[in-house]
């Protein structure tokens, strides 16, 4: 489980929630140079410094949304200053563009390693083709880390320019085959399974057309996902667990290394999310959800 920091909250609210995450042995934070113009990194850095826990947390840092990839090292140094740390555990290019050679990205990442700014690197929002290019270029013994959306509700179109899901069967088969690690953003499909209305495609479309103002959430509204909701409801009765928690467990129970990035706004939500790490979905149950 990975703690997302993309939600803009006040400093004291973040401190309370992060303390509670740490109490529950969750200590990996996903952040970005770009979140709220750096404000979330600054708040996270204050918390790390105040608690004196530099050696007790792991940080995933991201930057670069465009073609200016040569600026990424300076941006990373800015992030390190904000976070009050000397090195991040994982660096990810925030969006990987198909028109840029994957070797150019790798060259910068290797330089970050040589400068001792990062321990590992990966690629956020990478297309299937670029991932295959990366796999062909790297030595077979080199572990590959990516951060694409993966949730039980299938993303029907990109909510923002330049982002990718790995929910397609072909993509998942490739991740299984190569044992590629994915850190999934929006692992709970932006709360799709928290709204019972999504079980009915007609009501769902009406809701997202006339009521829901967040356009990004509309990308999950589909006949396919309404069917998935009903499948999840059946498994919920069998396992006596909520649909919301089972949808997160589906992400964590993949055959490839699969991590979930989550945002919680209360201690009770954290308690619920922690449950998902303890649920095992066996092969027969995964087939039921297919």
C-alpha atoms as a PDB file:
ATOM      1  CA  UNK A   1       0.000   0.000   0.000  1.00  0.00           C
ATOM      2  CA  UNK A   2       1.303   3.456  -0.941  1.00  0.00           C
ATOM      3  CA  UNK A   3       0.111   6.782   0.466  1.00  0.00           C
ATOM      4  CA  UNK A   4      -0.901   9.271  -2.216  1.00  0.00           C
ATOM      5  CA  UNK A   5      -0.220  12.954  -1.587  1.00  0.00           C
ATOM      6  CA  UNK A   6      -2.024  14.475  -4.575  1.00  0.00           C
ATOM      7  CA  UNK A   7      -5.009  15.614  -2.485  1.00  0.00           C
ATOM      8  CA  UNK A   8      -4.700  19.187  -1.252  1.00  0.00           C
ATOM      9  CA  UNK A   9      -5.226  19.157   2.494  1.00  0.00           C
ATOM     10  CA  UNK A  10      -4.161  21.483   5.283  1.00  0.00           C
ATOM     11  CA  UNK A  11      -0.861  20.771   7.026  1.00  0.00           C
ATOM     12  CA  UNK A  12      -2.378  19.643  10.340  1.00  0.00           C
ATOM     13  CA  UNK A  13      -4.842  17.323   8.566  1.00  0.00           C
ATOM     14  CA  UNK A  14      -1.999  15.661   6.674  1.00  0.00           C
ATOM     15  CA  UNK A  15       0.098  15.266   9.826  1.00  0.00           C
ATOM     16  CA  UNK A  16      -2.737  13.462  11.640  1.00  0.00           C
ATOM     17  CA  UNK A  17      -3.370  11.076   8.745  1.00  0.00           C
ATOM     18  CA  UNK A  18       0.307  10.374   8.038  1.00  0.00           C
ATOM     19  CA  UNK A  19       0.929   9.620  11.720  1.00  0.00           C
ATOM     20  CA  UNK A  20      -1.920   7.123  11.585  1.00  0.00           C
ATOM     21  CA  UNK A  21      -0.619   5.503   8.383  1.00  0.00           C
ATOM     22  CA  UNK A  22       2.776   5.081  10.036  1.00  0.00           C
ATOM     23  CA  UNK A  23       1.130   3.587  13.103  1.00  0.00           C
ATOM     24  CA  UNK A  24      -0.362   0.974  10.747  1.00  0.00           C
ATOM     25  CA  UNK A  25       3.074   0.197   9.233  1.00  0.00           C
ATOM     26  CA  UNK A  26       2.384   1.910   5.897  1.00  0.00           C
ATOM     27  CA  UNK A  27       5.388   4.122   5.153  1.00  0.00           C
ATOM     28  CA  UNK A  28       5.655   4.591   1.355  1.00  0.00           C
ATOM     29  CA  UNK A  29       4.670   8.029   0.007  1.00  0.00           C
ATOM     30  CA  UNK A  30       3.914   8.910  -3.601  1.00  0.00           C
ATOM     31  CA  UNK A  31       4.539  12.565  -4.364  1.00  0.00           C
ATOM     32  CA  UNK A  32       5.408  14.878  -7.243  1.00  0.00           C
ATOM     33  CA  UNK A  33       7.234  18.091  -8.024  1.00  0.00           C
ATOM     34  CA  UNK A  34       3.987  19.252  -9.675  1.00  0.00           C
ATOM     35  CA  UNK A  35       1.349  18.525  -6.986  1.00  0.00           C
ATOM     36  CA  UNK A  36      -0.215  21.820  -5.927  1.00  0.00           C
ATOM     37  CA  UNK A  37       2.878  23.626  -7.264  1.00  0.00           C
ATOM     38  CA  UNK A  38       5.088  21.830  -4.746  1.00  0.00           C
ATOM     39  CA  UNK A  39       3.014  22.620  -1.669  1.00  0.00           C
ATOM     40  CA  UNK A  40       2.352  18.959  -0.847  1.00  0.00           C
ATOM     41  CA  UNK A  41       6.078  18.152  -1.006  1.00  0.00           C
ATOM     42  CA  UNK A  42       6.808  21.048   1.338  1.00  0.00           C
ATOM     43  CA  UNK A  43       4.211  19.817   3.857  1.00  0.00           C
ATOM     44  CA  UNK A  44       5.509  16.240   3.628  1.00  0.00           C
ATOM     45  CA  UNK A  45       9.063  17.519   4.190  1.00  0.00           C
ATOM     46  CA  UNK A  46       7.979  19.425   7.296  1.00  0.00           C
ATOM     47  CA  UNK A  47       6.349  16.263   8.675  1.00  0.00           C
ATOM     48  CA  UNK A  48       9.418  14.101   7.956  1.00  0.00           C
ATOM     49  CA  UNK A  49      11.731  16.665   9.577  1.00  0.00           C
ATOM     50  CA  UNK A  50       9.485  17.248  12.595  1.00  0.00           C
ATOM     51  CA  UNK A  51       9.079  13.516  13.276  1.00  0.00           C
ATOM     52  CA  UNK A  52      12.770  12.800  12.494  1.00  0.00           C
ATOM     53  CA  UNK A  53      11.824   9.758  10.410  1.00  0.00           C
ATOM     54  CA  UNK A  54      14.049  10.166   7.344  1.00  0.00           C
ATOM     55  CA  UNK A  55      15.159   6.542   7.680  1.00  0.00           C
ATOM     56  CA  UNK A  56      11.645   5.194   8.359  1.00  0.00           C
ATOM     57  CA  UNK A  57       9.829   6.326   5.219  1.00  0.00           C
ATOM     58  CA  UNK A  58      10.228   5.552   1.523  1.00  0.00           C
ATOM     59  CA  UNK A  59       9.551   8.243  -1.075  1.00  0.00           C
ATOM     60  CA  UNK A  60       8.395   7.984  -4.686  1.00  0.00           C
ATOM     61  CA  UNK A  61       9.079  11.294  -6.439  1.00  0.00           C
ATOM     62  CA  UNK A  62       7.868  12.242  -9.927  1.00  0.00           C
ATOM     63  CA  UNK A  63       8.350  15.131 -12.310  1.00  0.00           C
ATOM     64  CA  UNK A  64       8.239  16.227 -15.969  1.00  0.00           C
ATOM     65  CA  UNK A  65       4.882  16.329 -17.753  1.00  0.00           C
ATOM     66  CA  UNK A  66       6.210  17.403 -21.147  1.00  0.00           C
ATOM     67  CA  UNK A  67       9.160  17.154 -23.545  1.00  0.00           C
ATOM     68  CA  UNK A  68      11.568  19.127 -21.309  1.00  0.00           C
ATOM     69  CA  UNK A  69      13.053  15.991 -19.794  1.00  0.00           C
ATOM     70  CA  UNK A  70      16.510  17.571 -19.407  1.00  0.00           C
ATOM     71  CA  UNK A  71      15.101  19.743 -16.595  1.00  0.00           C
ATOM     72  CA  UNK A  72      14.155  16.685 -14.550  1.00  0.00           C
ATOM     73  CA  UNK A  73      17.402  16.525 -12.530  1.00  0.00           C
ATOM     74  CA  UNK A  74      17.067  20.129 -11.351  1.00  0.00           C
ATOM     75  CA  UNK A  75      13.399  19.517 -10.546  1.00  0.00           C
ATOM     76  CA  UNK A  76      14.386  16.453  -8.530  1.00  0.00           C
ATOM     77  CA  UNK A  77      16.934  18.491  -6.563  1.00  0.00           C
ATOM     78  CA  UNK A  78      14.165  20.992  -5.769  1.00  0.00           C
ATOM     79  CA  UNK A  79      11.958  18.127  -4.575  1.00  0.00           C
ATOM     80  CA  UNK A  80      14.747  16.837  -2.321  1.00  0.00           C
ATOM     81  CA  UNK A  81      15.076  20.296  -0.748  1.00  0.00           C
ATOM     82  CA  UNK A  82      11.334  20.448  -0.175  1.00  0.00           C
ATOM     83  CA  UNK A  83      11.212  16.937   1.286  1.00  0.00           C
ATOM     84  CA  UNK A  84      14.201  17.539   3.607  1.00  0.00           C
ATOM     85  CA  UNK A  85      15.918  14.367   2.383  1.00  0.00           C
ATOM     86  CA  UNK A  86      19.132  13.652   0.441  1.00  0.00           C
ATOM     87  CA  UNK A  87      17.859  10.851  -1.767  1.00  0.00           C
ATOM     88  CA  UNK A  88      14.555   9.389  -2.970  1.00  0.00           C
ATOM     89  CA  UNK A  89      13.881   5.671  -3.098  1.00  0.00           C
ATOM     90  CA  UNK A  90      12.101   5.781  -6.479  1.00  0.00           C
ATOM     91  CA  UNK A  91      12.061   8.393  -9.224  1.00  0.00           C
ATOM     92  CA  UNK A  92       9.421   8.242 -11.962  1.00  0.00           C
ATOM     93  CA  UNK A  93       9.029  10.382 -15.046  1.00  0.00           C
ATOM     94  CA  UNK A  94       5.472  11.611 -14.552  1.00  0.00           C
ATOM     95  CA  UNK A  95       4.434  11.006 -18.170  1.00  0.00           C
ATOM     96  CA  UNK A  96       6.396   9.092 -20.794  1.00  0.00           C
ATOM     97  CA  UNK A  97       5.929  10.437 -24.313  1.00  0.00           C
ATOM     98  CA  UNK A  98       5.970   7.984 -27.218  1.00  0.00           C
ATOM     99  CA  UNK A  99       7.831  10.426 -29.468  1.00  0.00           C
ATOM    100  CA  UNK A 100      10.846  10.521 -27.128  1.00  0.00           C
ATOM    101  CA  UNK A 101      13.258   7.598 -27.376  1.00  0.00           C
ATOM    102  CA  UNK A 102      13.166   5.504 -24.222  1.00  0.00           C
ATOM    103  CA  UNK A 103      16.994   5.575 -24.223  1.00  0.00           C
ATOM    104  CA  UNK A 104      16.860   9.326 -23.575  1.00  0.00           C
ATOM    105  CA  UNK A 105      14.756   8.757 -20.453  1.00  0.00           C
ATOM    106  CA  UNK A 106      17.086   5.993 -19.285  1.00  0.00           C
ATOM    107  CA  UNK A 107      20.171   8.159 -19.761  1.00  0.00           C
ATOM    108  CA  UNK A 108      18.773  10.779 -17.373  1.00  0.00           C
ATOM    109  CA  UNK A 109      17.674   8.160 -14.840  1.00  0.00           C
ATOM    110  CA  UNK A 110      21.121   6.549 -14.837  1.00  0.00           C
ATOM    111  CA  UNK A 111      22.672   9.967 -14.281  1.00  0.00           C
ATOM    112  CA  UNK A 112      20.397  10.455 -11.254  1.00  0.00           C
ATOM    113  CA  UNK A 113      21.664   7.147  -9.881  1.00  0.00           C
ATOM    114  CA  UNK A 114      25.304   8.118 -10.480  1.00  0.00           C
ATOM    115  CA  UNK A 115      24.702  11.431  -8.677  1.00  0.00           C
ATOM    116  CA  UNK A 116      23.296   9.417  -5.741  1.00  0.00           C
ATOM    117  CA  UNK A 117      19.982  11.275  -5.926  1.00  0.00           C
ATOM    118  CA  UNK A 118      17.837   8.138  -6.308  1.00  0.00           C
ATOM    119  CA  UNK A 119      17.980   4.423  -5.496  1.00  0.00           C
ATOM    120  CA  UNK A 120      15.620   3.134  -8.208  1.00  0.00           C
ATOM    121  CA  UNK A 121      13.775   4.584 -11.192  1.00  0.00           C
ATOM    122  CA  UNK A 122      10.685   3.858 -13.222  1.00  0.00           C
ATOM    123  CA  UNK A 123       8.112   5.295 -15.589  1.00  0.00           C
ATOM    124  CA  UNK A 124       4.690   6.671 -14.779  1.00  0.00           C
ATOM    125  CA  UNK A 125       1.963   6.663 -17.433  1.00  0.00           C
ATOM    126  CA  UNK A 126       3.851   4.674 -20.019  1.00  0.00           C
ATOM    127  CA  UNK A 127       2.149   3.318 -23.144  1.00  0.00           C
ATOM    128  CA  UNK A 128       2.185  -0.391 -23.917  1.00  0.00           C
ATOM    129  CA  UNK A 129       4.457   0.210 -26.916  1.00  0.00           C
ATOM    130  CA  UNK A 130       6.979   2.240 -24.911  1.00  0.00           C
ATOM    131  CA  UNK A 131       6.958  -0.420 -22.204  1.00  0.00           C
ATOM    132  CA  UNK A 132       7.845  -3.058 -24.805  1.00  0.00           C
ATOM    133  CA  UNK A 133      10.597  -0.755 -26.114  1.00  0.00           C
ATOM    134  CA  UNK A 134      11.920  -0.436 -22.568  1.00  0.00           C
ATOM    135  CA  UNK A 135      11.810  -4.184 -21.982  1.00  0.00           C
ATOM    136  CA  UNK A 136      13.665  -4.873 -25.246  1.00  0.00           C
ATOM    137  CA  UNK A 137      16.371  -2.353 -24.407  1.00  0.00           C
ATOM    138  CA  UNK A 138      17.037  -3.315 -20.799  1.00  0.00           C
ATOM    139  CA  UNK A 139      18.988  -6.341 -19.643  1.00  0.00           C
ATOM    140  CA  UNK A 140      16.555  -9.154 -18.773  1.00  0.00           C
ATOM    141  CA  UNK A 141      17.824  -9.153 -15.164  1.00  0.00           C
ATOM    142  CA  UNK A 142      16.896  -5.486 -14.668  1.00  0.00           C
ATOM    143  CA  UNK A 143      13.688  -5.011 -12.683  1.00  0.00           C
ATOM    144  CA  UNK A 144      11.160  -2.685 -14.330  1.00  0.00           C
ATOM    145  CA  UNK A 145       8.938  -0.333 -12.314  1.00  0.00           C
ATOM    146  CA  UNK A 146       5.959   1.524 -13.787  1.00  0.00           C
ATOM    147  CA  UNK A 147       3.079   3.571 -12.387  1.00  0.00           C
ATOM    148  CA  UNK A 148      -0.039   3.285 -14.555  1.00  0.00           C
ATOM    149  CA  UNK A 149      -3.657   3.249 -13.503  1.00  0.00           C
ATOM    150  CA  UNK A 150      -4.965  -0.182 -12.554  1.00  0.00           C
ATOM    151  CA  UNK A 151      -8.352  -0.656 -10.959  1.00  0.00           C
ATOM    152  CA  UNK A 152     -11.109  -3.240 -11.166  1.00  0.00           C
ATOM    153  CA  UNK A 153     -13.228  -0.633 -12.928  1.00  0.00           C
ATOM    154  CA  UNK A 154     -11.788  -0.204 -16.406  1.00  0.00           C
ATOM    155  CA  UNK A 155     -10.839   3.325 -17.469  1.00  0.00           C
ATOM    156  CA  UNK A 156     -12.727   3.854 -20.724  1.00  0.00           C
ATOM    157  CA  UNK A 157     -10.686   6.885 -21.821  1.00  0.00           C
ATOM    158  CA  UNK A 158      -7.880   8.958 -20.380  1.00  0.00           C
ATOM    159  CA  UNK A 159      -9.163  11.490 -17.812  1.00  0.00           C
ATOM    160  CA  UNK A 160      -6.145  13.716 -18.492  1.00  0.00           C
ATOM    161  CA  UNK A 161      -3.825  14.080 -21.452  1.00  0.00           C
ATOM    162  CA  UNK A 162      -0.855  11.725 -21.417  1.00  0.00           C
ATOM    163  CA  UNK A 163      -2.042   9.220 -18.800  1.00  0.00           C
ATOM    164  CA  UNK A 164      -2.379   5.467 -19.298  1.00  0.00           C
ATOM    165  CA  UNK A 165      -4.101   2.497 -17.727  1.00  0.00           C
ATOM    166  CA  UNK A 166      -2.745  -1.054 -17.811  1.00  0.00           C
ATOM    167  CA  UNK A 167      -6.192  -2.623 -17.368  1.00  0.00           C
ATOM    168  CA  UNK A 168      -6.309  -4.230 -20.848  1.00  0.00           C
ATOM    169  CA  UNK A 169      -5.891  -8.008 -20.890  1.00  0.00           C
ATOM    170  CA  UNK A 170      -2.872  -7.804 -23.226  1.00  0.00           C
ATOM    171  CA  UNK A 171      -1.152  -5.301 -20.924  1.00  0.00           C
ATOM    172  CA  UNK A 172      -1.803  -7.418 -17.816  1.00  0.00           C
ATOM    173  CA  UNK A 173      -0.517 -10.565 -19.559  1.00  0.00           C
ATOM    174  CA  UNK A 174       2.718  -8.722 -20.393  1.00  0.00           C
ATOM    175  CA  UNK A 175       3.122  -7.563 -16.783  1.00  0.00           C
ATOM    176  CA  UNK A 176       2.562 -11.159 -15.634  1.00  0.00           C
ATOM    177  CA  UNK A 177       5.029 -12.570 -18.145  1.00  0.00           C
ATOM    178  CA  UNK A 178       7.827 -10.104 -17.349  1.00  0.00           C
ATOM    179  CA  UNK A 179       6.975  -9.732 -13.642  1.00  0.00           C
ATOM    180  CA  UNK A 180       6.931  -5.961 -14.009  1.00  0.00           C
ATOM    181  CA  UNK A 181       6.064  -3.990 -10.860  1.00  0.00           C
ATOM    182  CA  UNK A 182       3.182  -1.516 -11.110  1.00  0.00           C
ATOM    183  CA  UNK A 183       2.341   1.232  -8.610  1.00  0.00           C
ATOM    184  CA  UNK A 184      -1.297   1.928  -9.464  1.00  0.00           C
ATOM    185  CA  UNK A 185      -2.698   5.443  -9.205  1.00  0.00           C
ATOM    186  CA  UNK A 186      -6.497   5.757  -8.780  1.00  0.00           C
ATOM    187  CA  UNK A 187      -6.437   2.136  -7.671  1.00  0.00           C
ATOM    188  CA  UNK A 188     -10.001   2.551  -6.383  1.00  0.00           C
ATOM    189  CA  UNK A 189     -11.238   4.019  -9.683  1.00  0.00           C
ATOM    190  CA  UNK A 190     -11.845   7.419  -8.104  1.00  0.00           C
ATOM    191  CA  UNK A 191     -14.394   5.896  -5.732  1.00  0.00           C
ATOM    192  CA  UNK A 192     -16.436   4.168  -8.469  1.00  0.00           C
ATOM    193  CA  UNK A 193     -17.473   1.261  -6.234  1.00  0.00           C
ATOM    194  CA  UNK A 194     -18.500   3.541  -3.383  1.00  0.00           C
ATOM    195  CA  UNK A 195     -21.611   4.633  -5.327  1.00  0.00           C
ATOM    196  CA  UNK A 196     -24.324   1.972  -5.621  1.00  0.00           C
ATOM    197  CA  UNK A 197     -25.842   3.951  -8.496  1.00  0.00           C
ATOM    198  CA  UNK A 198     -22.977   2.730 -10.698  1.00  0.00           C
ATOM    199  CA  UNK A 199     -24.496  -0.769 -10.748  1.00  0.00           C
ATOM    200  CA  UNK A 200     -27.137   0.567 -13.161  1.00  0.00           C
ATOM    201  CA  UNK A 201     -25.655   1.994 -16.361  1.00  0.00           C
ATOM    202  CA  UNK A 202     -28.677   4.171 -17.156  1.00  0.00           C
ATOM    203  CA  UNK A 203     -28.767   5.815 -13.725  1.00  0.00           C
ATOM    204  CA  UNK A 204     -24.988   6.056 -13.789  1.00  0.00           C
ATOM    205  CA  UNK A 205     -24.953   7.953 -17.089  1.00  0.00           C
ATOM    206  CA  UNK A 206     -27.640  10.338 -15.848  1.00  0.00           C
ATOM    207  CA  UNK A 207     -25.683  10.967 -12.655  1.00  0.00           C
ATOM    208  CA  UNK A 208     -22.398  11.704 -14.424  1.00  0.00           C
ATOM    209  CA  UNK A 209     -24.067  13.836 -17.088  1.00  0.00           C
ATOM    210  CA  UNK A 210     -26.171  16.067 -14.865  1.00  0.00           C
ATOM    211  CA  UNK A 211     -24.892  15.815 -11.277  1.00  0.00           C
ATOM    212  CA  UNK A 212     -21.212  14.898 -10.975  1.00  0.00           C
ATOM    213  CA  UNK A 213     -19.050  17.928 -11.827  1.00  0.00           C
ATOM    214  CA  UNK A 214     -15.737  16.051 -11.792  1.00  0.00           C
ATOM    215  CA  UNK A 215     -15.209  15.090 -15.425  1.00  0.00           C
ATOM    216  CA  UNK A 216     -12.308  12.778 -14.560  1.00  0.00           C
ATOM    217  CA  UNK A 217     -14.668  10.442 -12.654  1.00  0.00           C
ATOM    218  CA  UNK A 218     -16.940  10.038 -15.673  1.00  0.00           C
ATOM    219  CA  UNK A 219     -14.338   7.941 -17.499  1.00  0.00           C
ATOM    220  CA  UNK A 220     -15.352   4.865 -15.470  1.00  0.00           C
ATOM    221  CA  UNK A 221     -19.052   5.049 -16.289  1.00  0.00           C
ATOM    222  CA  UNK A 222     -19.766   2.214 -18.749  1.00  0.00           C
ATOM    223  CA  UNK A 223     -21.825  -0.907 -19.288  1.00  0.00           C
ATOM    224  CA  UNK A 224     -18.698  -3.021 -18.726  1.00  0.00           C
ATOM    225  CA  UNK A 225     -18.042  -1.488 -15.324  1.00  0.00           C
ATOM    226  CA  UNK A 226     -21.681  -1.786 -14.266  1.00  0.00           C
ATOM    227  CA  UNK A 227     -21.366  -5.512 -14.994  1.00  0.00           C
ATOM    228  CA  UNK A 228     -18.109  -5.584 -13.021  1.00  0.00           C
ATOM    229  CA  UNK A 229     -19.891  -3.913 -10.102  1.00  0.00           C
ATOM    230  CA  UNK A 230     -22.503  -6.704 -10.081  1.00  0.00           C
ATOM    231  CA  UNK A 231     -19.775  -9.382 -10.209  1.00  0.00           C
ATOM    232  CA  UNK A 232     -18.087  -7.701  -7.274  1.00  0.00           C
ATOM    233  CA  UNK A 233     -21.392  -7.619  -5.386  1.00  0.00           C
ATOM    234  CA  UNK A 234     -21.737 -11.395  -5.760  1.00  0.00           C
ATOM    235  CA  UNK A 235     -18.224 -11.974  -4.438  1.00  0.00           C
ATOM    236  CA  UNK A 236     -18.968  -9.532  -1.631  1.00  0.00           C
ATOM    237  CA  UNK A 237     -21.782 -11.794  -0.415  1.00  0.00           C
ATOM    238  CA  UNK A 238     -19.558 -14.874  -0.597  1.00  0.00           C
ATOM    239  CA  UNK A 239     -16.598 -13.354   1.247  1.00  0.00           C
ATOM    240  CA  UNK A 240     -18.626 -11.088   3.542  1.00  0.00           C
ATOM    241  CA  UNK A 241     -16.467  -8.098   2.608  1.00  0.00           C
ATOM    242  CA  UNK A 242     -17.503  -4.783   1.060  1.00  0.00           C
ATOM    243  CA  UNK A 243     -17.314  -4.175  -2.684  1.00  0.00           C
ATOM    244  CA  UNK A 244     -15.025  -1.198  -2.108  1.00  0.00           C
ATOM    245  CA  UNK A 245     -12.426  -3.221  -0.206  1.00  0.00           C
ATOM    246  CA  UNK A 246     -12.640  -6.172  -2.613  1.00  0.00           C
ATOM    247  CA  UNK A 247     -12.027  -3.874  -5.584  1.00  0.00           C
ATOM    248  CA  UNK A 248      -8.791  -2.740  -3.930  1.00  0.00           C
ATOM    249  CA  UNK A 249      -7.883  -6.329  -3.050  1.00  0.00           C
ATOM    250  CA  UNK A 250      -8.252  -7.219  -6.744  1.00  0.00           C
ATOM    251  CA  UNK A 251      -5.422  -4.763  -7.495  1.00  0.00           C
ATOM    252  CA  UNK A 252      -3.225  -6.215  -4.750  1.00  0.00           C
ATOM    253  CA  UNK A 253      -3.873  -9.853  -5.747  1.00  0.00           C
ATOM    254  CA  UNK A 254      -2.414  -9.690  -9.273  1.00  0.00           C
ATOM    255  CA  UNK A 255       0.197 -12.266 -10.341  1.00  0.00           C
ATOM    256  CA  UNK A 256       2.760  -9.529 -10.994  1.00  0.00           C
ATOM    257  CA  UNK A 257       4.036  -7.248  -8.170  1.00  0.00           C
ATOM    258  CA  UNK A 258       1.109  -4.851  -7.766  1.00  0.00           C
ATOM    259  CA  UNK A 259       0.950  -1.923  -5.352  1.00  0.00           C
ATOM    260  CA  UNK A 260      -1.984   0.423  -4.761  1.00  0.00           C
ATOM    261  CA  UNK A 261      -1.648   4.182  -4.315  1.00  0.00           C
ATOM    262  CA  UNK A 262      -4.553   5.400  -2.174  1.00  0.00           C
ATOM    263  CA  UNK A 263      -5.837   8.649  -0.707  1.00  0.00           C
ATOM    264  CA  UNK A 264      -7.794   8.618   2.559  1.00  0.00           C
ATOM    265  CA  UNK A 265      -9.407  11.562   4.311  1.00  0.00           C
ATOM    266  CA  UNK A 266     -10.005   9.990   7.728  1.00  0.00           C
ATOM    267  CA  UNK A 267      -8.664   7.369  10.112  1.00  0.00           C
ATOM    268  CA  UNK A 268     -11.745   5.211   9.514  1.00  0.00           C
ATOM    269  CA  UNK A 269     -11.018   5.192   5.770  1.00  0.00           C
ATOM    270  CA  UNK A 270      -7.446   4.126   6.504  1.00  0.00           C
ATOM    271  CA  UNK A 271      -8.761   1.271   8.670  1.00  0.00           C
ATOM    272  CA  UNK A 272     -10.948   0.096   5.775  1.00  0.00           C
ATOM    273  CA  UNK A 273      -8.148   0.293   3.244  1.00  0.00           C
ATOM    274  CA  UNK A 274      -5.767  -1.657   5.506  1.00  0.00           C
ATOM    275  CA  UNK A 275      -8.277  -4.542   5.404  1.00  0.00           C
ATOM    276  CA  UNK A 276      -7.659  -4.916   1.676  1.00  0.00           C
ATOM    277  CA  UNK A 277      -4.047  -5.941   2.299  1.00  0.00           C
ATOM    278  CA  UNK A 278      -5.226  -8.914   4.360  1.00  0.00           C
ATOM    279  CA  UNK A 279      -7.736 -10.355   1.867  1.00  0.00           C
ATOM    280  CA  UNK A 280      -6.670 -13.197  -0.396  1.00  0.00           C
ATOM    281  CA  UNK A 281      -8.600 -13.635  -3.640  1.00  0.00           C
ATOM    282  CA  UNK A 282      -8.043 -17.180  -4.912  1.00  0.00           C
ATOM    283  CA  UNK A 283      -7.846 -18.117  -8.614  1.00  0.00           C
ATOM    284  CA  UNK A 284     -11.488 -19.244  -8.804  1.00  0.00           C
ATOM    285  CA  UNK A 285     -12.628 -15.926  -7.362  1.00  0.00           C
ATOM    286  CA  UNK A 286     -10.421 -13.983  -9.789  1.00  0.00           C
ATOM    287  CA  UNK A 287     -12.059 -15.889 -12.632  1.00  0.00           C
ATOM    288  CA  UNK A 288     -15.467 -14.915 -11.273  1.00  0.00           C
ATOM    289  CA  UNK A 289     -14.391 -11.268 -11.499  1.00  0.00           C
ATOM    290  CA  UNK A 290     -12.935 -11.588 -15.015  1.00  0.00           C
END
